[in-house]
Amino acid sequence: MTKIDTSDAAHVLPTPSHTVGPFYGYALPFPGGGDIAPVGHPDTVTVQGYVYDGEGRPVPDAFVELWGPDPDGNLPKVDGSMRRDPATGGHLGRNGVEFTGWGRIQTDANGHWYARTLRPGGRGSHAPHLSVCVFARGLLVHLFTRIYLPGDEAALGADPLLSRLEAARRDTLIARRDPDGTYRFDIRLQGEGETVFLEFT
């Protein structure tokens, strides 16, 4: 019989009563949630990163939802992200052809997420960006933010949201291009380097 020293909190595994929900692992994930771009599309980009809590620890059971326009700045109006099997009612995933502009990705055990989507085009006075919704345990209300992709510095400088933020805060909304060609965007829920979150009224 193994005895656990309960006086050392670091060695006690959390139970449901120790953590704050809601929990998102049931029924919400679906096959191909992060594969938003049609297979083989030339404007495909990969955006990836981590979700961190206020102490800088990865959040292993968060959800990141993305919405984005196509490369011409048009919002897609097609169905198809969550097709169902008519016989079983189960999810079939995407058909791999139509661009719906929407994806839902669950973080892995290390808090990592990634999505393959199309590089968004600009809309009006706004620089090209992906809209983001974050769900995580302990968040009773989901959070909204944006991911701006670097490349067009003039558009970023003129964006009405980015232009209202001081440099350090603005940088939390702009992805970084990594040497492998992917875009890195970490989401910090609170604390030092907290991501700018938006409130819609």
N, C-alpha and C. Protein backbone atom coordinates (compact mmCIF):
# COMPACT_ATOMS: atom_id res chain seq x y z
N MET A 1 0.84 -1.17 0.00
CA MET A 1 0.00 0.00 0.00
C MET A 1 0.90 1.25 0.00
N THR A 2 0.62 2.16 -0.93
CA THR A 2 1.40 3.39 -1.03
C THR A 2 0.75 4.48 -0.22
N LYS A 3 1.55 5.12 0.63
CA LYS A 3 1.03 6.24 1.41
C LYS A 3 1.45 7.54 0.74
N ILE A 4 0.53 8.47 0.65
CA ILE A 4 0.80 9.78 0.05
C ILE A 4 0.79 10.82 1.15
N ASP A 5 1.83 11.61 1.19
CA ASP A 5 1.92 12.67 2.18
C ASP A 5 1.04 13.83 1.73
N THR A 6 -0.13 13.95 2.34
CA THR A 6 -1.08 14.99 1.92
C THR A 6 -0.70 16.38 2.41
N SER A 7 0.36 16.45 3.20
CA SER A 7 0.80 17.78 3.64
C SER A 7 1.55 18.50 2.53
N ASP A 8 1.96 17.76 1.49
CA ASP A 8 2.67 18.37 0.36
C ASP A 8 1.70 18.43 -0.82
N ALA A 9 1.12 19.61 -1.08
CA ALA A 9 0.09 19.75 -2.11
C ALA A 9 0.58 19.37 -3.49
N ALA A 10 1.89 19.47 -3.73
CA ALA A 10 2.43 19.16 -5.06
C ALA A 10 2.28 17.68 -5.41
N HIS A 11 2.09 16.82 -4.39
CA HIS A 11 1.99 15.38 -4.65
C HIS A 11 0.56 14.85 -4.59
N VAL A 12 -0.39 15.73 -4.44
CA VAL A 12 -1.78 15.31 -4.37
C VAL A 12 -2.44 15.59 -5.72
N LEU A 13 -2.99 14.55 -6.33
CA LEU A 13 -3.65 14.71 -7.61
C LEU A 13 -4.98 15.43 -7.43
N PRO A 14 -5.33 16.34 -8.35
CA PRO A 14 -6.61 17.05 -8.21
C PRO A 14 -7.78 16.12 -8.47
N THR A 15 -8.86 16.34 -7.78
CA THR A 15 -10.10 15.62 -8.01
C THR A 15 -11.12 16.63 -8.52
N PRO A 16 -12.28 16.19 -9.02
CA PRO A 16 -13.26 17.16 -9.51
C PRO A 16 -13.62 18.23 -8.49
N SER A 17 -13.57 17.90 -7.21
CA SER A 17 -13.92 18.90 -6.21
C SER A 17 -12.82 19.93 -6.01
N HIS A 18 -11.62 19.64 -6.51
CA HIS A 18 -10.50 20.58 -6.37
C HIS A 18 -10.40 21.55 -7.54
N THR A 19 -11.09 21.30 -8.59
CA THR A 19 -10.96 22.13 -9.79
C THR A 19 -12.29 22.79 -10.11
N VAL A 20 -12.19 23.85 -10.86
CA VAL A 20 -13.38 24.60 -11.24
C VAL A 20 -13.69 24.33 -12.70
N GLY A 21 -14.90 23.88 -13.01
CA GLY A 21 -15.30 23.66 -14.39
C GLY A 21 -15.67 24.98 -15.03
N PRO A 22 -16.33 24.95 -16.15
CA PRO A 22 -16.79 23.75 -16.85
C PRO A 22 -15.66 23.00 -17.54
N PHE A 23 -15.91 21.73 -17.87
CA PHE A 23 -14.95 20.89 -18.55
C PHE A 23 -15.43 20.64 -19.97
N TYR A 24 -14.52 20.73 -20.94
CA TYR A 24 -14.95 20.77 -22.34
C TYR A 24 -14.55 19.53 -23.15
N GLY A 25 -14.06 18.50 -22.52
CA GLY A 25 -13.56 17.37 -23.28
C GLY A 25 -14.63 16.45 -23.84
N TYR A 26 -15.87 16.59 -23.39
CA TYR A 26 -16.92 15.67 -23.83
C TYR A 26 -17.81 16.33 -24.88
N ALA A 27 -17.99 15.68 -26.02
CA ALA A 27 -18.94 16.04 -27.07
C ALA A 27 -18.52 17.24 -27.91
N LEU A 28 -17.67 18.11 -27.42
CA LEU A 28 -17.31 19.29 -28.21
C LEU A 28 -16.19 19.06 -29.23
N PRO A 29 -15.16 18.27 -28.92
CA PRO A 29 -14.15 18.03 -29.97
C PRO A 29 -14.76 17.26 -31.14
N PHE A 30 -14.26 17.50 -32.34
CA PHE A 30 -14.72 16.73 -33.49
C PHE A 30 -13.56 16.50 -34.44
N PRO A 31 -13.61 15.45 -35.25
CA PRO A 31 -12.50 15.12 -36.13
C PRO A 31 -12.17 16.26 -37.08
N GLY A 32 -10.89 16.58 -37.20
CA GLY A 32 -10.47 17.62 -38.13
C GLY A 32 -10.81 19.02 -37.68
N GLY A 33 -10.99 19.24 -36.39
CA GLY A 33 -11.38 20.55 -35.90
C GLY A 33 -10.42 21.66 -36.27
N GLY A 34 -9.12 21.35 -36.34
CA GLY A 34 -8.14 22.36 -36.69
C GLY A 34 -7.77 22.41 -38.15
N ASP A 35 -8.34 21.51 -38.95
CA ASP A 35 -8.03 21.46 -40.39
C ASP A 35 -9.04 22.30 -41.15
N ILE A 36 -8.90 23.62 -41.05
CA ILE A 36 -9.89 24.55 -41.61
C ILE A 36 -9.67 24.76 -43.11
N ALA A 37 -8.42 24.79 -43.54
CA ALA A 37 -8.11 25.01 -44.96
C ALA A 37 -8.42 23.77 -45.79
N PRO A 38 -8.96 23.95 -46.99
CA PRO A 38 -9.14 22.80 -47.88
C PRO A 38 -7.79 22.15 -48.19
N VAL A 39 -7.79 20.86 -48.35
CA VAL A 39 -6.55 20.12 -48.60
C VAL A 39 -5.85 20.65 -49.84
N GLY A 40 -4.56 20.99 -49.70
CA GLY A 40 -3.75 21.42 -50.84
C GLY A 40 -3.93 22.86 -51.25
N HIS A 41 -4.70 23.65 -50.53
CA HIS A 41 -4.91 25.05 -50.93
C HIS A 41 -3.60 25.84 -50.80
N PRO A 42 -3.25 26.64 -51.80
CA PRO A 42 -1.95 27.34 -51.78
C PRO A 42 -1.82 28.43 -50.73
N ASP A 43 -2.92 28.94 -50.19
CA ASP A 43 -2.85 30.01 -49.18
C ASP A 43 -2.93 29.48 -47.75
N THR A 44 -2.69 28.17 -47.57
CA THR A 44 -2.76 27.58 -46.24
C THR A 44 -1.65 28.09 -45.35
N VAL A 45 -2.00 28.44 -44.11
CA VAL A 45 -1.02 28.80 -43.09
C VAL A 45 -1.32 27.95 -41.85
N THR A 46 -0.29 27.69 -41.08
CA THR A 46 -0.45 26.99 -39.81
C THR A 46 -0.22 27.97 -38.68
N VAL A 47 -1.19 28.05 -37.79
CA VAL A 47 -1.09 28.89 -36.60
C VAL A 47 -1.09 27.95 -35.41
N GLN A 48 -0.13 28.13 -34.50
CA GLN A 48 -0.02 27.23 -33.36
C GLN A 48 0.51 27.98 -32.15
N GLY A 49 0.26 27.41 -30.98
CA GLY A 49 0.75 28.04 -29.77
C GLY A 49 0.29 27.27 -28.54
N TYR A 50 0.37 27.93 -27.41
CA TYR A 50 0.01 27.33 -26.13
C TYR A 50 -0.98 28.22 -25.40
N VAL A 51 -1.80 27.62 -24.55
CA VAL A 51 -2.66 28.37 -23.64
C VAL A 51 -2.05 28.23 -22.25
N TYR A 52 -1.78 29.37 -21.60
CA TYR A 52 -1.17 29.38 -20.27
C TYR A 52 -2.10 30.02 -19.25
N ASP A 53 -2.03 29.55 -18.01
CA ASP A 53 -2.81 30.16 -16.95
C ASP A 53 -2.03 31.33 -16.34
N GLY A 54 -2.55 31.89 -15.26
CA GLY A 54 -1.94 33.06 -14.66
C GLY A 54 -0.57 32.82 -14.06
N GLU A 55 -0.23 31.57 -13.77
CA GLU A 55 1.07 31.24 -13.21
C GLU A 55 2.04 30.75 -14.28
N GLY A 56 1.62 30.85 -15.55
CA GLY A 56 2.49 30.42 -16.63
C GLY A 56 2.48 28.93 -16.89
N ARG A 57 1.52 28.22 -16.31
CA ARG A 57 1.43 26.78 -16.54
C ARG A 57 0.51 26.51 -17.73
N PRO A 58 0.82 25.49 -18.54
CA PRO A 58 -0.05 25.17 -19.68
C PRO A 58 -1.40 24.66 -19.22
N VAL A 59 -2.44 25.00 -19.98
CA VAL A 59 -3.80 24.55 -19.68
C VAL A 59 -4.11 23.38 -20.62
N PRO A 60 -4.22 22.15 -20.09
CA PRO A 60 -4.33 20.98 -20.95
C PRO A 60 -5.73 20.68 -21.48
N ASP A 61 -6.73 21.42 -21.03
CA ASP A 61 -8.09 21.09 -21.44
C ASP A 61 -8.87 22.33 -21.87
N ALA A 62 -8.18 23.22 -22.55
CA ALA A 62 -8.85 24.42 -23.08
C ALA A 62 -9.32 24.15 -24.51
N PHE A 63 -10.22 25.02 -24.97
CA PHE A 63 -10.64 25.01 -26.36
C PHE A 63 -10.32 26.36 -26.98
N VAL A 64 -9.85 26.32 -28.21
CA VAL A 64 -9.61 27.54 -28.97
C VAL A 64 -10.49 27.45 -30.22
N GLU A 65 -11.40 28.40 -30.39
CA GLU A 65 -12.21 28.46 -31.62
C GLU A 65 -11.71 29.61 -32.46
N LEU A 66 -11.61 29.37 -33.76
CA LEU A 66 -11.14 30.38 -34.70
C LEU A 66 -12.21 30.65 -35.74
N TRP A 67 -12.34 31.91 -36.14
CA TRP A 67 -13.16 32.31 -37.28
C TRP A 67 -12.30 33.22 -38.13
N GLY A 68 -12.39 33.08 -39.44
CA GLY A 68 -11.62 33.97 -40.29
C GLY A 68 -12.19 34.06 -41.69
N PRO A 69 -11.96 35.19 -42.34
CA PRO A 69 -12.39 35.34 -43.73
C PRO A 69 -11.44 34.59 -44.67
N ASP A 70 -11.82 34.50 -45.92
CA ASP A 70 -10.93 33.89 -46.91
C ASP A 70 -9.86 34.92 -47.31
N PRO A 71 -8.90 34.55 -48.17
CA PRO A 71 -7.83 35.48 -48.53
C PRO A 71 -8.31 36.77 -49.20
N ASP A 72 -9.54 36.79 -49.72
CA ASP A 72 -10.08 38.02 -50.32
C ASP A 72 -10.84 38.86 -49.30
N GLY A 73 -10.89 38.42 -48.05
CA GLY A 73 -11.60 39.17 -47.02
C GLY A 73 -13.07 38.87 -46.93
N ASN A 74 -13.54 37.84 -47.66
CA ASN A 74 -14.96 37.49 -47.64
C ASN A 74 -15.25 36.47 -46.55
N LEU A 75 -16.34 36.66 -45.82
CA LEU A 75 -16.74 35.69 -44.80
C LEU A 75 -17.44 34.51 -45.46
N PRO A 76 -16.97 33.29 -45.20
CA PRO A 76 -17.60 32.12 -45.82
C PRO A 76 -19.04 31.95 -45.37
N LYS A 77 -19.86 31.42 -46.28
CA LYS A 77 -21.27 31.18 -45.97
C LYS A 77 -21.66 29.77 -46.38
N VAL A 78 -20.75 28.83 -46.12
CA VAL A 78 -21.02 27.44 -46.47
C VAL A 78 -21.10 26.60 -45.20
N ASP A 79 -21.85 25.51 -45.29
CA ASP A 79 -21.91 24.55 -44.19
C ASP A 79 -20.79 23.53 -44.39
N GLY A 80 -20.59 22.70 -43.39
CA GLY A 80 -19.68 21.60 -43.63
C GLY A 80 -18.65 21.33 -42.57
N SER A 81 -18.52 22.16 -41.53
CA SER A 81 -17.49 21.90 -40.54
C SER A 81 -17.77 20.64 -39.73
N MET A 82 -19.02 20.38 -39.42
CA MET A 82 -19.36 19.27 -38.54
C MET A 82 -20.41 18.36 -39.18
N ARG A 83 -20.05 17.74 -40.29
CA ARG A 83 -20.99 16.85 -40.96
C ARG A 83 -21.28 15.63 -40.08
N ARG A 84 -22.48 15.11 -40.21
CA ARG A 84 -22.86 13.92 -39.43
C ARG A 84 -23.11 12.73 -40.35
N ASP A 85 -22.82 11.57 -39.83
CA ASP A 85 -23.11 10.33 -40.52
C ASP A 85 -24.61 10.08 -40.39
N PRO A 86 -25.36 10.02 -41.51
CA PRO A 86 -26.82 9.85 -41.41
C PRO A 86 -27.22 8.52 -40.78
N ALA A 87 -26.34 7.52 -40.84
CA ALA A 87 -26.69 6.21 -40.29
C ALA A 87 -26.48 6.16 -38.77
N THR A 88 -25.36 6.70 -38.30
CA THR A 88 -25.04 6.58 -36.87
C THR A 88 -25.26 7.88 -36.09
N GLY A 89 -25.32 9.01 -36.79
CA GLY A 89 -25.42 10.29 -36.11
C GLY A 89 -24.09 10.82 -35.62
N GLY A 90 -23.01 10.03 -35.82
CA GLY A 90 -21.67 10.45 -35.39
C GLY A 90 -21.09 11.50 -36.32
N HIS A 91 -20.05 12.14 -35.85
CA HIS A 91 -19.40 13.17 -36.65
C HIS A 91 -18.49 12.56 -37.71
N LEU A 92 -18.59 13.07 -38.93
CA LEU A 92 -17.72 12.62 -40.02
C LEU A 92 -16.53 13.55 -40.19
N GLY A 93 -16.60 14.73 -39.62
CA GLY A 93 -15.52 15.70 -39.84
C GLY A 93 -15.78 16.50 -41.11
N ARG A 94 -14.77 17.21 -41.53
CA ARG A 94 -14.89 18.08 -42.70
C ARG A 94 -14.84 17.28 -44.00
N ASN A 95 -15.36 17.91 -45.07
CA ASN A 95 -15.26 17.22 -46.36
C ASN A 95 -13.96 17.51 -47.08
N GLY A 96 -13.15 18.46 -46.55
CA GLY A 96 -11.84 18.74 -47.11
C GLY A 96 -11.85 19.59 -48.36
N VAL A 97 -13.02 20.09 -48.75
CA VAL A 97 -13.15 20.86 -49.99
C VAL A 97 -13.55 22.30 -49.72
N GLU A 98 -14.59 22.48 -48.93
CA GLU A 98 -15.12 23.82 -48.69
C GLU A 98 -14.41 24.49 -47.53
N PHE A 99 -14.22 25.79 -47.65
CA PHE A 99 -13.63 26.58 -46.58
C PHE A 99 -14.75 27.23 -45.79
N THR A 100 -14.91 26.80 -44.54
CA THR A 100 -15.97 27.35 -43.70
C THR A 100 -15.46 28.51 -42.84
N GLY A 101 -14.15 28.63 -42.72
CA GLY A 101 -13.57 29.71 -41.93
C GLY A 101 -13.62 29.48 -40.43
N TRP A 102 -14.12 28.33 -39.99
CA TRP A 102 -14.32 28.09 -38.56
C TRP A 102 -13.64 26.79 -38.14
N GLY A 103 -13.05 26.82 -36.95
CA GLY A 103 -12.47 25.61 -36.40
C GLY A 103 -12.50 25.62 -34.89
N ARG A 104 -12.47 24.43 -34.30
CA ARG A 104 -12.43 24.28 -32.85
C ARG A 104 -11.32 23.29 -32.53
N ILE A 105 -10.38 23.73 -31.68
CA ILE A 105 -9.21 22.92 -31.37
C ILE A 105 -9.09 22.77 -29.86
N GLN A 106 -8.89 21.55 -29.41
CA GLN A 106 -8.64 21.31 -27.99
C GLN A 106 -7.14 21.29 -27.75
N THR A 107 -6.68 21.91 -26.66
CA THR A 107 -5.26 21.84 -26.33
C THR A 107 -4.91 20.43 -25.90
N ASP A 108 -3.63 20.05 -26.12
CA ASP A 108 -3.19 18.73 -25.70
C ASP A 108 -2.71 18.78 -24.26
N ALA A 109 -2.09 17.71 -23.79
CA ALA A 109 -1.65 17.63 -22.40
C ALA A 109 -0.63 18.70 -22.04
N ASN A 110 0.05 19.25 -23.05
CA ASN A 110 1.03 20.31 -22.81
C ASN A 110 0.46 21.70 -23.04
N GLY A 111 -0.85 21.79 -23.25
CA GLY A 111 -1.48 23.09 -23.49
C GLY A 111 -1.31 23.60 -24.90
N HIS A 112 -0.84 22.74 -25.83
CA HIS A 112 -0.56 23.15 -27.20
C HIS A 112 -1.78 22.99 -28.10
N TRP A 113 -1.93 23.89 -29.06
CA TRP A 113 -2.99 23.80 -30.06
C TRP A 113 -2.41 24.21 -31.42
N TYR A 114 -3.03 23.78 -32.49
CA TYR A 114 -2.63 24.25 -33.81
C TYR A 114 -3.81 24.14 -34.78
N ALA A 115 -3.78 24.98 -35.79
CA ALA A 115 -4.82 24.97 -36.82
C ALA A 115 -4.19 25.28 -38.17
N ARG A 116 -4.71 24.63 -39.18
CA ARG A 116 -4.34 24.93 -40.57
C ARG A 116 -5.52 25.67 -41.17
N THR A 117 -5.29 26.91 -41.59
CA THR A 117 -6.37 27.69 -42.15
C THR A 117 -5.85 28.49 -43.33
N LEU A 118 -6.69 29.31 -43.92
CA LEU A 118 -6.25 30.18 -45.00
C LEU A 118 -5.82 31.53 -44.42
N ARG A 119 -4.79 32.11 -45.02
CA ARG A 119 -4.37 33.43 -44.57
C ARG A 119 -5.52 34.40 -44.81
N PRO A 120 -6.01 35.06 -43.74
CA PRO A 120 -7.19 35.91 -43.91
C PRO A 120 -6.88 37.19 -44.66
N GLY A 121 -7.85 37.67 -45.44
CA GLY A 121 -7.75 38.97 -46.08
C GLY A 121 -8.30 40.05 -45.17
N GLY A 122 -7.96 41.29 -45.43
CA GLY A 122 -8.45 42.40 -44.63
C GLY A 122 -9.91 42.69 -44.92
N ARG A 123 -10.57 43.29 -43.93
CA ARG A 123 -11.98 43.68 -44.07
C ARG A 123 -12.12 45.13 -43.64
N GLY A 124 -12.47 46.00 -44.57
CA GLY A 124 -12.64 47.41 -44.25
C GLY A 124 -11.34 48.02 -43.74
N SER A 125 -11.39 48.72 -42.61
CA SER A 125 -10.20 49.35 -42.06
C SER A 125 -9.40 48.41 -41.16
N HIS A 126 -9.88 47.19 -40.99
CA HIS A 126 -9.20 46.25 -40.10
C HIS A 126 -8.15 45.44 -40.84
N ALA A 127 -6.97 45.34 -40.23
CA ALA A 127 -5.91 44.51 -40.80
C ALA A 127 -6.36 43.05 -40.78
N PRO A 128 -5.81 42.22 -41.65
CA PRO A 128 -6.19 40.80 -41.66
C PRO A 128 -5.96 40.15 -40.29
N HIS A 129 -6.97 39.44 -39.83
CA HIS A 129 -6.85 38.78 -38.53
C HIS A 129 -7.82 37.61 -38.44
N LEU A 130 -7.58 36.76 -37.47
CA LEU A 130 -8.48 35.68 -37.11
C LEU A 130 -9.15 36.05 -35.80
N SER A 131 -10.45 35.86 -35.71
CA SER A 131 -11.16 36.06 -34.45
C SER A 131 -11.04 34.79 -33.63
N VAL A 132 -10.88 34.95 -32.32
CA VAL A 132 -10.61 33.82 -31.44
C VAL A 132 -11.57 33.84 -30.25
N CYS A 133 -12.02 32.66 -29.85
CA CYS A 133 -12.79 32.50 -28.63
C CYS A 133 -12.10 31.41 -27.81
N VAL A 134 -11.85 31.69 -26.53
CA VAL A 134 -11.13 30.76 -25.67
C VAL A 134 -12.06 30.28 -24.57
N PHE A 135 -12.12 28.95 -24.41
CA PHE A 135 -12.86 28.32 -23.33
C PHE A 135 -11.85 27.56 -22.48
N ALA A 136 -11.95 27.66 -21.17
CA ALA A 136 -11.03 26.92 -20.31
C ALA A 136 -11.66 26.74 -18.94
N ARG A 137 -11.19 25.74 -18.21
CA ARG A 137 -11.69 25.54 -16.84
C ARG A 137 -11.38 26.77 -16.01
N GLY A 138 -12.29 27.10 -15.15
CA GLY A 138 -12.13 28.29 -14.34
C GLY A 138 -12.68 29.53 -14.99
N LEU A 139 -12.95 29.47 -16.30
CA LEU A 139 -13.55 30.60 -17.00
C LEU A 139 -15.05 30.35 -17.11
N LEU A 140 -15.81 31.06 -16.36
CA LEU A 140 -17.25 30.88 -16.43
C LEU A 140 -17.84 31.59 -17.64
N VAL A 141 -17.08 32.54 -18.18
CA VAL A 141 -17.47 33.23 -19.41
C VAL A 141 -16.29 33.14 -20.37
N HIS A 142 -16.52 32.71 -21.59
CA HIS A 142 -15.43 32.57 -22.55
C HIS A 142 -14.85 33.93 -22.90
N LEU A 143 -13.63 33.90 -23.45
CA LEU A 143 -12.88 35.12 -23.76
C LEU A 143 -12.74 35.28 -25.27
N PHE A 144 -12.76 36.53 -25.72
CA PHE A 144 -12.57 36.83 -27.14
C PHE A 144 -11.27 37.59 -27.33
N THR A 145 -10.57 37.26 -28.40
CA THR A 145 -9.38 38.01 -28.77
C THR A 145 -9.19 37.91 -30.29
N ARG A 146 -8.05 38.36 -30.76
CA ARG A 146 -7.75 38.30 -32.20
C ARG A 146 -6.31 37.84 -32.40
N ILE A 147 -6.08 37.25 -33.55
CA ILE A 147 -4.72 36.91 -33.99
C ILE A 147 -4.45 37.67 -35.27
N TYR A 148 -3.52 38.61 -35.20
CA TYR A 148 -3.07 39.31 -36.40
C TYR A 148 -1.80 38.62 -36.89
N LEU A 149 -1.71 38.42 -38.20
CA LEU A 149 -0.52 37.81 -38.78
C LEU A 149 0.42 38.89 -39.29
N PRO A 150 1.71 38.79 -38.99
CA PRO A 150 2.65 39.80 -39.47
C PRO A 150 2.81 39.72 -40.98
N GLY A 151 3.32 40.78 -41.56
CA GLY A 151 3.56 40.79 -43.01
C GLY A 151 3.23 42.11 -43.64
N ASP A 152 2.12 42.70 -43.26
CA ASP A 152 1.72 44.00 -43.81
C ASP A 152 1.74 45.01 -42.66
N GLU A 153 2.93 45.59 -42.43
CA GLU A 153 3.09 46.48 -41.29
C GLU A 153 2.23 47.74 -41.40
N ALA A 154 2.01 48.22 -42.62
CA ALA A 154 1.18 49.42 -42.80
C ALA A 154 -0.24 49.14 -42.35
N ALA A 155 -0.78 47.98 -42.72
CA ALA A 155 -2.14 47.62 -42.31
C ALA A 155 -2.23 47.44 -40.80
N LEU A 156 -1.21 46.82 -40.21
CA LEU A 156 -1.21 46.64 -38.76
C LEU A 156 -1.17 47.99 -38.05
N GLY A 157 -0.37 48.91 -38.56
CA GLY A 157 -0.25 50.22 -37.95
C GLY A 157 -1.52 51.04 -38.04
N ALA A 158 -2.33 50.78 -39.08
CA ALA A 158 -3.57 51.55 -39.27
C ALA A 158 -4.79 50.88 -38.66
N ASP A 159 -4.64 49.66 -38.16
CA ASP A 159 -5.79 48.94 -37.62
C ASP A 159 -6.37 49.71 -36.43
N PRO A 160 -7.69 49.93 -36.39
CA PRO A 160 -8.28 50.75 -35.33
C PRO A 160 -8.15 50.16 -33.93
N LEU A 161 -8.08 48.84 -33.81
CA LEU A 161 -7.89 48.24 -32.48
C LEU A 161 -6.42 48.34 -32.07
N LEU A 162 -5.53 47.88 -32.93
CA LEU A 162 -4.11 47.87 -32.58
C LEU A 162 -3.58 49.27 -32.30
N SER A 163 -4.07 50.25 -33.04
CA SER A 163 -3.56 51.61 -32.89
C SER A 163 -3.94 52.23 -31.55
N ARG A 164 -4.90 51.66 -30.84
CA ARG A 164 -5.31 52.19 -29.53
C ARG A 164 -4.52 51.58 -28.38
N LEU A 165 -3.66 50.59 -28.67
CA LEU A 165 -2.95 49.88 -27.62
C LEU A 165 -1.50 50.31 -27.54
N GLU A 166 -0.94 50.31 -26.33
CA GLU A 166 0.49 50.56 -26.19
C GLU A 166 1.24 49.36 -26.74
N ALA A 167 2.50 49.55 -27.08
CA ALA A 167 3.27 48.54 -27.83
C ALA A 167 3.27 47.17 -27.17
N ALA A 168 3.52 47.13 -25.86
CA ALA A 168 3.61 45.84 -25.18
C ALA A 168 2.29 45.07 -25.24
N ARG A 169 1.18 45.78 -25.10
CA ARG A 169 -0.12 45.12 -25.16
C ARG A 169 -0.46 44.74 -26.59
N ARG A 170 -0.11 45.59 -27.54
CA ARG A 170 -0.39 45.31 -28.95
C ARG A 170 0.32 44.02 -29.38
N ASP A 171 1.52 43.80 -28.88
CA ASP A 171 2.29 42.62 -29.28
C ASP A 171 1.63 41.32 -28.85
N THR A 172 0.73 41.36 -27.86
CA THR A 172 0.06 40.13 -27.44
C THR A 172 -0.98 39.68 -28.46
N LEU A 173 -1.27 40.51 -29.45
CA LEU A 173 -2.27 40.16 -30.47
C LEU A 173 -1.63 39.81 -31.82
N ILE A 174 -0.32 39.97 -31.94
CA ILE A 174 0.35 39.73 -33.22
C ILE A 174 1.17 38.45 -33.14
N ALA A 175 0.85 37.50 -34.00
CA ALA A 175 1.58 36.23 -34.03
C ALA A 175 3.02 36.47 -34.46
N ARG A 176 3.87 35.54 -34.11
CA ARG A 176 5.27 35.59 -34.51
C ARG A 176 5.52 34.50 -35.56
N ARG A 177 6.21 34.86 -36.61
CA ARG A 177 6.53 33.86 -37.64
C ARG A 177 7.77 33.09 -37.23
N ASP A 178 7.64 31.78 -37.10
CA ASP A 178 8.76 30.93 -36.72
C ASP A 178 9.58 30.52 -37.94
N PRO A 179 10.82 30.08 -37.72
CA PRO A 179 11.68 29.69 -38.85
C PRO A 179 11.08 28.61 -39.74
N ASP A 180 10.22 27.75 -39.17
CA ASP A 180 9.61 26.67 -39.98
C ASP A 180 8.42 27.15 -40.81
N GLY A 181 8.12 28.47 -40.74
CA GLY A 181 7.04 29.02 -41.55
C GLY A 181 5.69 29.06 -40.86
N THR A 182 5.58 28.46 -39.67
CA THR A 182 4.32 28.52 -38.93
C THR A 182 4.25 29.84 -38.17
N TYR A 183 3.05 30.16 -37.71
CA TYR A 183 2.84 31.36 -36.91
C TYR A 183 2.57 30.94 -35.47
N ARG A 184 3.32 31.51 -34.55
CA ARG A 184 3.20 31.17 -33.12
C ARG A 184 2.36 32.23 -32.42
N PHE A 185 1.32 31.77 -31.73
CA PHE A 185 0.47 32.68 -30.97
C PHE A 185 0.09 32.01 -29.66
N ASP A 186 0.71 32.47 -28.58
CA ASP A 186 0.40 31.95 -27.25
C ASP A 186 -0.70 32.80 -26.62
N ILE A 187 -1.56 32.15 -25.87
CA ILE A 187 -2.66 32.83 -25.19
C ILE A 187 -2.40 32.75 -23.69
N ARG A 188 -2.21 33.90 -23.07
CA ARG A 188 -1.99 33.97 -21.63
C ARG A 188 -3.26 34.52 -20.99
N LEU A 189 -3.88 33.70 -20.14
CA LEU A 189 -5.19 34.04 -19.62
C LEU A 189 -5.15 35.18 -18.60
N GLN A 190 -4.05 35.32 -17.89
CA GLN A 190 -3.90 36.44 -16.96
C GLN A 190 -2.44 36.53 -16.54
N GLY A 191 -2.13 37.54 -15.74
CA GLY A 191 -0.76 37.68 -15.25
C GLY A 191 0.13 38.42 -16.23
N GLU A 192 1.44 38.25 -16.05
CA GLU A 192 2.41 38.95 -16.88
C GLU A 192 2.25 38.55 -18.35
N GLY A 193 2.19 39.54 -19.22
CA GLY A 193 2.03 39.26 -20.65
C GLY A 193 0.64 38.80 -21.03
N GLU A 194 -0.36 39.08 -20.18
CA GLU A 194 -1.73 38.66 -20.46
C GLU A 194 -2.17 39.13 -21.85
N THR A 195 -2.77 38.22 -22.59
CA THR A 195 -3.31 38.54 -23.90
C THR A 195 -4.40 39.60 -23.79
N VAL A 196 -4.46 40.49 -24.74
CA VAL A 196 -5.57 41.46 -24.77
C VAL A 196 -6.85 40.71 -25.14
N PHE A 197 -7.86 40.85 -24.29
CA PHE A 197 -9.15 40.24 -24.55
C PHE A 197 -10.17 41.34 -24.82
N LEU A 198 -11.16 41.02 -25.62
CA LEU A 198 -12.14 42.01 -26.08
C LEU A 198 -13.48 41.79 -25.41
N GLU A 199 -14.19 42.87 -25.21
CA GLU A 199 -15.53 42.78 -24.65
C GLU A 199 -16.51 43.35 -25.66
N PHE A 200 -17.53 42.57 -26.01
CA PHE A 200 -18.53 43.00 -26.96
C PHE A 200 -19.79 43.38 -26.20
N THR A 201 -20.32 44.59 -26.46
CA THR A 201 -21.51 45.03 -25.76
C THR A 201 -22.66 45.23 -26.73
